[in-house]
């Protein structure tokens, strides 16, 4: 009898394992930005909490064609859902539409809010990027900024452009391509700063960009209003040192976590969905609260 019970238990465990949900997340991070490991951690945590399998895919090339192929390859494995960032709807839209047409639920996250519904996604999790840029620009103007540069690491990324353009409503700016490589950002930033000696403000739209740009500012001995997007331990240090005035927090762990929870509920609740997209930001981190969130930077935020 004991052997029979053990055999039945083993069969039940095997059946449960065979029926485990499986979710795939595909993002445009190139492996150089400290932002994305936190997103990945959020997805892994959510999958573990609902008992699902989870796979994270990013494209080191940063090429949108490669990312579209990754989405298509993920869809071919027939997962229970795909989570995808959408920095370039023109390049990625068809691959996402094809996945949806194949019956795979898709949730967009991080970038692509405005195009999420158009490509067939169930919903979007992330901050409204233009609004976030406006918030950063309005505060910069209130703090004395009058003319600036926006350092952007991915020129193709509509979300990053929205940040710069939203900021530019309050503080006129020029866009400067910083590259996504931490090794080259300081040099490119220095060139941009030297070519525009009349600016008094700088916006860096990524945490590694923030670090490289501030290095250039320090080396040139300049004094400018510097604000950034997203968190990392070095960014927290620069805020506490008074070099960076604030950074915009979009809570990237939620961007990784919530889509898995949403699709789990959707798949197990007869199409249950939240009533609207989930905005994960924007929120300000400055000298008044940097110390309280520093331990979370690069881990949960």
Protein backbone atom coordinates (compact mmCIF):
# COMPACT_ATOMS: atom_id res chain seq x y z
CA UNK A 1 0.00 0.00 0.00
CA UNK A 2 2.81 2.40 0.90
CA UNK A 3 4.41 1.81 -2.50
CA UNK A 4 1.09 2.52 -4.24
CA UNK A 5 0.62 5.80 -2.34
CA UNK A 6 4.16 6.85 -3.17
CA UNK A 7 3.63 5.98 -6.84
CA UNK A 8 0.39 7.96 -6.98
CA UNK A 9 2.06 10.92 -5.28
CA UNK A 10 4.92 10.81 -7.76
CA UNK A 11 2.47 10.72 -10.67
CA UNK A 12 0.60 13.72 -9.27
CA UNK A 13 3.84 15.64 -8.90
CA UNK A 14 4.80 14.81 -12.48
CA UNK A 15 1.37 15.84 -13.74
CA UNK A 16 1.60 19.12 -11.81
CA UNK A 17 5.02 19.79 -13.27
CA UNK A 18 3.77 19.03 -16.78
CA UNK A 19 0.92 21.49 -16.35
CA UNK A 20 3.03 24.34 -14.97
CA UNK A 21 2.45 27.62 -16.75
CA UNK A 22 5.37 29.00 -18.71
CA UNK A 23 6.04 32.65 -19.44
CA UNK A 24 8.69 34.28 -21.60
CA UNK A 25 9.93 37.86 -21.22
CA UNK A 26 11.72 39.55 -24.12
CA UNK A 27 13.32 42.96 -23.59
CA UNK A 28 15.50 45.35 -25.52
CA UNK A 29 18.16 45.66 -22.80
CA UNK A 30 21.67 45.07 -24.11
CA UNK A 31 23.14 43.73 -20.89
CA UNK A 32 24.96 46.99 -20.05
CA UNK A 33 22.19 48.85 -18.27
CA UNK A 34 21.73 48.08 -14.53
CA UNK A 35 18.01 48.67 -15.00
CA UNK A 36 17.20 45.34 -16.64
CA UNK A 37 18.47 42.80 -14.08
CA UNK A 38 15.90 44.27 -11.67
CA UNK A 39 13.16 43.75 -14.28
CA UNK A 40 14.32 40.17 -14.74
CA UNK A 41 14.29 39.61 -10.99
CA UNK A 42 10.71 40.88 -10.83
CA UNK A 43 9.63 38.39 -13.48
CA UNK A 44 11.44 35.54 -11.77
CA UNK A 45 9.90 36.41 -8.40
CA UNK A 46 6.38 36.55 -9.84
CA UNK A 47 6.79 33.23 -11.67
CA UNK A 48 8.02 31.58 -8.50
CA UNK A 49 5.08 32.99 -6.54
CA UNK A 50 2.52 31.51 -8.97
CA UNK A 51 4.44 28.28 -9.59
CA UNK A 52 5.24 29.04 -13.23
CA UNK A 53 8.33 28.51 -15.36
CA UNK A 54 10.04 31.67 -16.58
CA UNK A 55 12.51 32.50 -19.33
CA UNK A 56 14.17 35.89 -19.82
CA UNK A 57 15.55 36.86 -23.22
CA UNK A 58 17.45 40.00 -24.21
CA UNK A 59 19.38 40.82 -27.35
CA UNK A 60 23.00 41.86 -26.74
CA UNK A 61 23.15 43.41 -30.22
CA UNK A 62 20.46 45.96 -29.37
CA UNK A 63 19.17 45.42 -32.92
CA UNK A 64 15.39 45.63 -33.23
CA UNK A 65 15.37 43.07 -36.04
CA UNK A 66 17.07 40.60 -33.73
CA UNK A 67 14.56 41.37 -31.00
CA UNK A 68 11.65 40.76 -33.40
CA UNK A 69 13.17 37.37 -34.24
CA UNK A 70 13.42 36.58 -30.51
CA UNK A 71 9.72 37.35 -30.08
CA UNK A 72 8.86 35.12 -33.03
CA UNK A 73 11.05 32.31 -31.67
CA UNK A 74 9.47 32.64 -28.22
CA UNK A 75 5.98 32.48 -29.73
CA UNK A 76 6.88 29.32 -31.64
CA UNK A 77 7.37 27.51 -28.32
CA UNK A 78 3.72 28.23 -27.42
CA UNK A 79 4.20 29.68 -23.93
CA UNK A 80 1.25 30.62 -21.76
CA UNK A 81 2.16 34.25 -22.25
CA UNK A 82 4.82 36.65 -23.49
CA UNK A 83 5.92 39.85 -21.78
CA UNK A 84 7.68 42.25 -24.11
CA UNK A 85 9.11 45.75 -24.01
CA UNK A 86 8.10 47.85 -27.02
CA UNK A 87 10.71 50.54 -27.74
CA UNK A 88 10.16 50.45 -31.51
CA UNK A 89 6.58 49.56 -32.52
CA UNK A 90 7.40 49.71 -36.24
CA UNK A 91 10.12 47.08 -35.92
CA UNK A 92 8.47 44.84 -33.33
CA UNK A 93 4.76 45.27 -33.96
CA UNK A 94 4.28 42.51 -36.54
CA UNK A 95 6.06 39.88 -34.44
CA UNK A 96 3.80 40.73 -31.50
CA UNK A 97 0.66 40.70 -33.67
CA UNK A 98 1.67 37.29 -35.00
CA UNK A 99 2.06 35.95 -31.45
CA UNK A 100 -1.37 37.28 -30.51
CA UNK A 101 -2.88 35.75 -33.66
CA UNK A 102 -1.40 32.42 -32.59
CA UNK A 103 -3.44 32.64 -29.38
CA UNK A 104 -0.64 33.73 -27.04
CA UNK A 105 -1.50 36.41 -24.47
CA UNK A 106 0.93 39.34 -24.60
CA UNK A 107 1.50 42.12 -22.07
CA UNK A 108 3.78 45.02 -22.98
CA UNK A 109 5.92 46.64 -20.34
CA UNK A 110 8.38 49.49 -19.83
CA UNK A 111 8.12 51.16 -23.25
CA UNK A 112 5.43 51.34 -25.91
CA UNK A 113 2.41 52.40 -23.86
CA UNK A 114 0.85 54.30 -26.77
CA UNK A 115 1.20 51.36 -29.17
CA UNK A 116 0.37 48.51 -26.79
CA UNK A 117 -3.30 48.18 -27.75
CA UNK A 118 -2.52 48.60 -31.45
CA UNK A 119 -0.24 45.55 -31.51
CA UNK A 120 -2.83 43.44 -29.71
CA UNK A 121 -1.43 43.34 -26.17
CA UNK A 122 -3.79 42.76 -23.27
CA UNK A 123 -2.44 45.77 -21.41
CA UNK A 124 0.71 47.72 -20.51
CA UNK A 125 2.72 48.00 -17.30
CA UNK A 126 5.03 51.01 -17.06
CA UNK A 127 5.22 54.73 -16.54
CA UNK A 128 3.75 57.24 -19.03
CA UNK A 129 7.09 58.44 -20.37
CA UNK A 130 6.06 61.82 -21.77
CA UNK A 131 4.41 62.69 -18.46
CA UNK A 132 7.56 61.58 -16.64
CA UNK A 133 9.63 63.87 -18.85
CA UNK A 134 7.25 66.75 -18.23
CA UNK A 135 7.50 66.19 -14.48
CA UNK A 136 11.30 66.22 -14.65
CA UNK A 137 11.33 69.34 -16.81
CA UNK A 138 8.86 71.28 -14.69
CA UNK A 139 10.90 70.62 -11.59
CA UNK A 140 14.15 71.51 -13.35
CA UNK A 141 12.65 74.81 -14.49
CA UNK A 142 11.42 75.54 -10.96
CA UNK A 143 14.98 74.91 -9.76
CA UNK A 144 16.46 77.42 -12.22
CA UNK A 145 17.16 75.43 -15.39
CA UNK A 146 16.73 77.44 -18.61
CA UNK A 147 18.54 75.54 -21.40
CA UNK A 148 19.80 71.98 -21.49
CA UNK A 149 20.98 68.80 -23.16
CA UNK A 150 19.25 65.45 -23.08
CA UNK A 151 21.65 62.50 -23.27
CA UNK A 152 19.87 59.51 -24.82
CA UNK A 153 21.37 56.04 -25.19
CA UNK A 154 18.90 54.50 -27.65
CA UNK A 155 17.84 56.88 -30.40
CA UNK A 156 15.29 54.34 -31.72
CA UNK A 157 13.52 54.06 -28.36
CA UNK A 158 10.26 56.01 -28.40
CA UNK A 159 10.08 55.97 -24.59
CA UNK A 160 13.44 57.69 -24.20
CA UNK A 161 12.55 60.25 -26.83
CA UNK A 162 9.31 60.94 -24.98
CA UNK A 163 11.30 61.63 -21.81
CA UNK A 164 13.47 64.16 -23.59
CA UNK A 165 10.57 65.79 -25.42
CA UNK A 166 8.43 66.02 -22.30
CA UNK A 167 11.31 67.65 -20.40
CA UNK A 168 11.80 70.01 -23.35
CA UNK A 169 8.33 71.49 -22.88
CA UNK A 170 9.60 73.28 -19.79
CA UNK A 171 13.34 73.56 -20.51
CA UNK A 172 14.49 73.86 -24.16
CA UNK A 173 16.92 71.05 -24.96
CA UNK A 174 19.06 69.44 -27.63
CA UNK A 175 19.30 65.65 -27.89
CA UNK A 176 22.76 64.10 -27.73
CA UNK A 177 23.45 60.42 -28.49
CA UNK A 178 25.40 59.12 -25.50
CA UNK A 179 25.65 55.51 -26.79
CA UNK A 180 24.71 52.60 -24.54
CA UNK A 181 28.30 51.67 -23.71
CA UNK A 182 29.45 52.88 -20.28
CA UNK A 183 33.02 53.04 -21.59
CA UNK A 184 32.19 55.63 -24.25
CA UNK A 185 29.50 57.68 -22.49
CA UNK A 186 31.90 60.06 -20.66
CA UNK A 187 33.73 60.93 -23.91
CA UNK A 188 30.52 61.54 -25.85
CA UNK A 189 29.08 63.53 -22.97
CA UNK A 190 32.18 65.71 -22.74
CA UNK A 191 31.98 66.43 -26.47
CA UNK A 192 28.32 67.42 -26.17
CA UNK A 193 28.94 69.62 -23.16
CA UNK A 194 31.90 71.39 -24.76
CA UNK A 195 29.92 72.03 -27.94
CA UNK A 196 27.16 73.70 -25.92
CA UNK A 197 28.84 75.90 -23.29
CA UNK A 198 25.71 78.01 -22.77
CA UNK A 199 23.59 75.24 -21.24
CA UNK A 200 22.80 75.14 -17.53
CA UNK A 201 20.92 71.84 -17.32
CA UNK A 202 21.38 68.20 -18.30
CA UNK A 203 18.94 65.30 -18.40
CA UNK A 204 20.32 61.74 -18.53
CA UNK A 205 17.62 59.20 -19.41
CA UNK A 206 19.30 56.08 -17.99
CA UNK A 207 21.25 55.26 -14.81
CA UNK A 208 24.51 54.30 -16.57
CA UNK A 209 24.16 57.42 -18.72
CA UNK A 210 23.72 59.46 -15.56
CA UNK A 211 27.00 58.11 -14.18
CA UNK A 212 28.98 58.70 -17.37
CA UNK A 213 27.58 62.18 -17.93
CA UNK A 214 28.34 63.22 -14.36
CA UNK A 215 31.89 61.97 -14.82
CA UNK A 216 32.25 64.29 -17.81
CA UNK A 217 30.71 67.19 -15.89
CA UNK A 218 33.19 66.68 -13.05
CA UNK A 219 36.18 66.37 -15.37
CA UNK A 220 35.22 69.57 -17.19
CA UNK A 221 34.66 71.40 -13.91
CA UNK A 222 31.17 72.47 -14.97
CA UNK A 223 28.25 73.37 -12.74
CA UNK A 224 24.89 72.37 -14.23
CA UNK A 225 21.50 71.16 -13.01
CA UNK A 226 21.70 67.40 -13.56
CA UNK A 227 18.64 65.14 -13.34
CA UNK A 228 18.31 61.51 -14.37
CA UNK A 229 16.02 58.55 -14.88
CA UNK A 230 16.06 55.31 -12.89
CA UNK A 231 18.05 54.09 -9.91
CA UNK A 232 21.40 52.45 -9.29
CA UNK A 233 23.76 52.58 -6.30
CA UNK A 234 26.09 55.12 -8.04
CA UNK A 235 23.11 57.35 -8.86
CA UNK A 236 22.06 57.29 -5.20
CA UNK A 237 25.61 58.26 -4.20
CA UNK A 238 25.59 61.20 -6.62
CA UNK A 239 22.25 62.41 -5.29
CA UNK A 240 23.48 62.24 -1.70
CA UNK A 241 26.64 64.09 -2.74
CA UNK A 242 24.53 66.88 -4.27
CA UNK A 243 25.82 66.30 -7.80
CA UNK A 244 22.51 64.99 -9.20
CA UNK A 245 19.39 66.85 -8.11
CA UNK A 246 16.94 63.98 -8.55
CA UNK A 247 16.15 60.87 -10.55
CA UNK A 248 12.80 59.59 -11.80
CA UNK A 249 11.88 56.19 -10.38
CA UNK A 250 9.63 53.99 -12.54
CA UNK A 251 9.85 50.94 -10.25
CA UNK A 252 11.20 48.47 -12.77
CA UNK A 253 10.70 45.48 -10.49
CA UNK A 254 6.96 46.06 -10.81
CA UNK A 255 7.37 46.17 -14.59
CA UNK A 256 8.81 42.67 -14.44
CA UNK A 257 6.54 41.35 -11.70
CA UNK A 258 3.06 42.58 -12.55
CA UNK A 259 2.78 41.28 -16.15
CA UNK A 260 3.36 37.70 -14.95
CA UNK A 261 0.72 38.08 -12.25
CA UNK A 262 -1.71 39.66 -14.73
CA UNK A 263 -1.30 36.82 -17.24
CA UNK A 264 -1.55 34.17 -14.53
CA UNK A 265 -4.88 35.65 -13.43
CA UNK A 266 -5.97 36.03 -17.04
CA UNK A 267 -5.20 32.39 -17.84
CA UNK A 268 -6.81 31.05 -14.67
CA UNK A 269 -9.67 33.49 -14.21
CA UNK A 270 -11.64 33.30 -17.45
CA UNK A 271 -9.96 36.34 -18.95
CA UNK A 272 -9.77 38.39 -15.76
CA UNK A 273 -7.84 41.65 -16.32
CA UNK A 274 -7.31 44.93 -14.44
CA UNK A 275 -9.59 47.71 -15.61
CA UNK A 276 -6.74 49.76 -17.03
CA UNK A 277 -3.02 49.83 -17.74
CA UNK A 278 -0.80 49.85 -14.65
CA UNK A 279 1.38 52.98 -14.30
CA UNK A 280 4.53 52.13 -12.32
CA UNK A 281 5.77 55.74 -12.15
CA UNK A 282 6.91 58.45 -12.23
CA UNK A 283 8.20 59.12 -8.74
CA UNK A 284 10.98 61.44 -7.59
CA UNK A 285 14.01 60.29 -5.64
CA UNK A 286 16.09 63.19 -4.35
CA UNK A 287 18.26 64.02 -1.37
CA UNK A 288 15.22 63.95 0.94
CA UNK A 289 14.52 60.24 0.36
CA UNK A 290 17.58 58.81 -1.41
CA UNK A 291 18.97 57.27 1.75
CA UNK A 292 15.75 55.39 2.47
CA UNK A 293 15.67 53.74 -0.97
CA UNK A 294 19.42 53.35 -1.51
CA UNK A 295 19.42 49.75 -0.29
CA UNK A 296 16.81 48.90 -2.93
CA UNK A 297 18.65 50.50 -5.84
CA UNK A 298 19.76 47.84 -8.32
CA UNK A 299 17.84 45.17 -6.37
CA UNK A 300 14.14 46.02 -6.23
CA UNK A 301 14.15 49.53 -7.81
